[in-house]
Protein backbone atom coordinates (compact mmCIF):
# COMPACT_ATOMS: atom_id res chain seq x y z
CA MET A 1 10.06 -8.17 -3.77
CA THR A 2 6.83 -7.11 -2.09
CA SER A 3 4.81 -4.18 -3.39
CA HIS A 4 2.41 -2.23 -1.24
CA TYR A 5 -0.77 -0.89 -2.79
CA SER A 6 -3.82 0.79 -1.36
CA ILE A 7 -6.98 -1.23 -1.93
CA GLY A 8 -7.99 1.25 -4.64
CA GLN A 9 -4.61 1.03 -6.38
CA LEU A 10 -4.69 -2.77 -6.25
CA ALA A 11 -8.21 -2.90 -7.66
CA LYS A 12 -7.33 -0.52 -10.49
CA THR A 13 -4.14 -2.43 -11.33
CA ALA A 14 -6.00 -5.75 -11.30
CA GLY A 15 -8.91 -4.36 -13.33
CA VAL A 16 -11.52 -5.16 -10.68
CA ASN A 17 -13.51 -3.12 -8.18
CA VAL A 18 -12.68 -2.63 -4.50
CA GLU A 19 -15.44 -5.01 -3.36
CA THR A 20 -13.77 -7.80 -5.37
CA ILE A 21 -10.51 -7.20 -3.49
CA ARG A 22 -12.40 -7.30 -0.17
CA TYR A 23 -14.04 -10.57 -1.25
CA TYR A 24 -10.62 -12.06 -2.05
CA GLU A 25 -9.42 -11.00 1.42
CA ARG A 26 -12.42 -12.67 3.10
CA GLN A 27 -11.81 -15.86 1.11
CA GLY A 28 -8.14 -15.90 2.16
CA LEU A 29 -6.87 -15.52 -1.41
CA ILE A 30 -4.90 -12.40 -0.48
CA THR A 31 -3.83 -11.17 2.94
CA GLN A 32 -5.16 -7.99 4.43
CA PRO A 33 -2.30 -5.68 5.42
CA PRO A 34 -2.20 -4.20 8.91
CA LYS A 35 -3.90 -0.84 9.28
CA THR A 36 -1.58 2.15 9.25
CA ALA A 37 -1.37 4.75 11.97
CA LEU A 38 -2.79 7.30 9.52
CA VAL A 39 -6.00 5.31 9.14
CA GLN A 40 -6.30 4.95 12.90
CA VAL A 41 -5.82 8.69 13.40
CA LYS A 42 -8.42 9.51 10.75
CA SER A 43 -10.94 7.26 12.47
CA LEU A 44 -10.33 9.09 15.75
CA ILE A 45 -10.75 12.49 14.12
CA HIS A 46 -13.81 11.51 12.06
CA PRO A 47 -15.73 8.90 14.09
């Protein structure tokens, strides 16, 4: 079963900070999920 967490939720659950999760993504230790439509809309509204 796959669970979906926001980066903040994942960091809190793992007991690390968000930058650590981003580091793990860059190193290929975890995969970065595709961006959601909500994030894309927010970036259009608040450039």
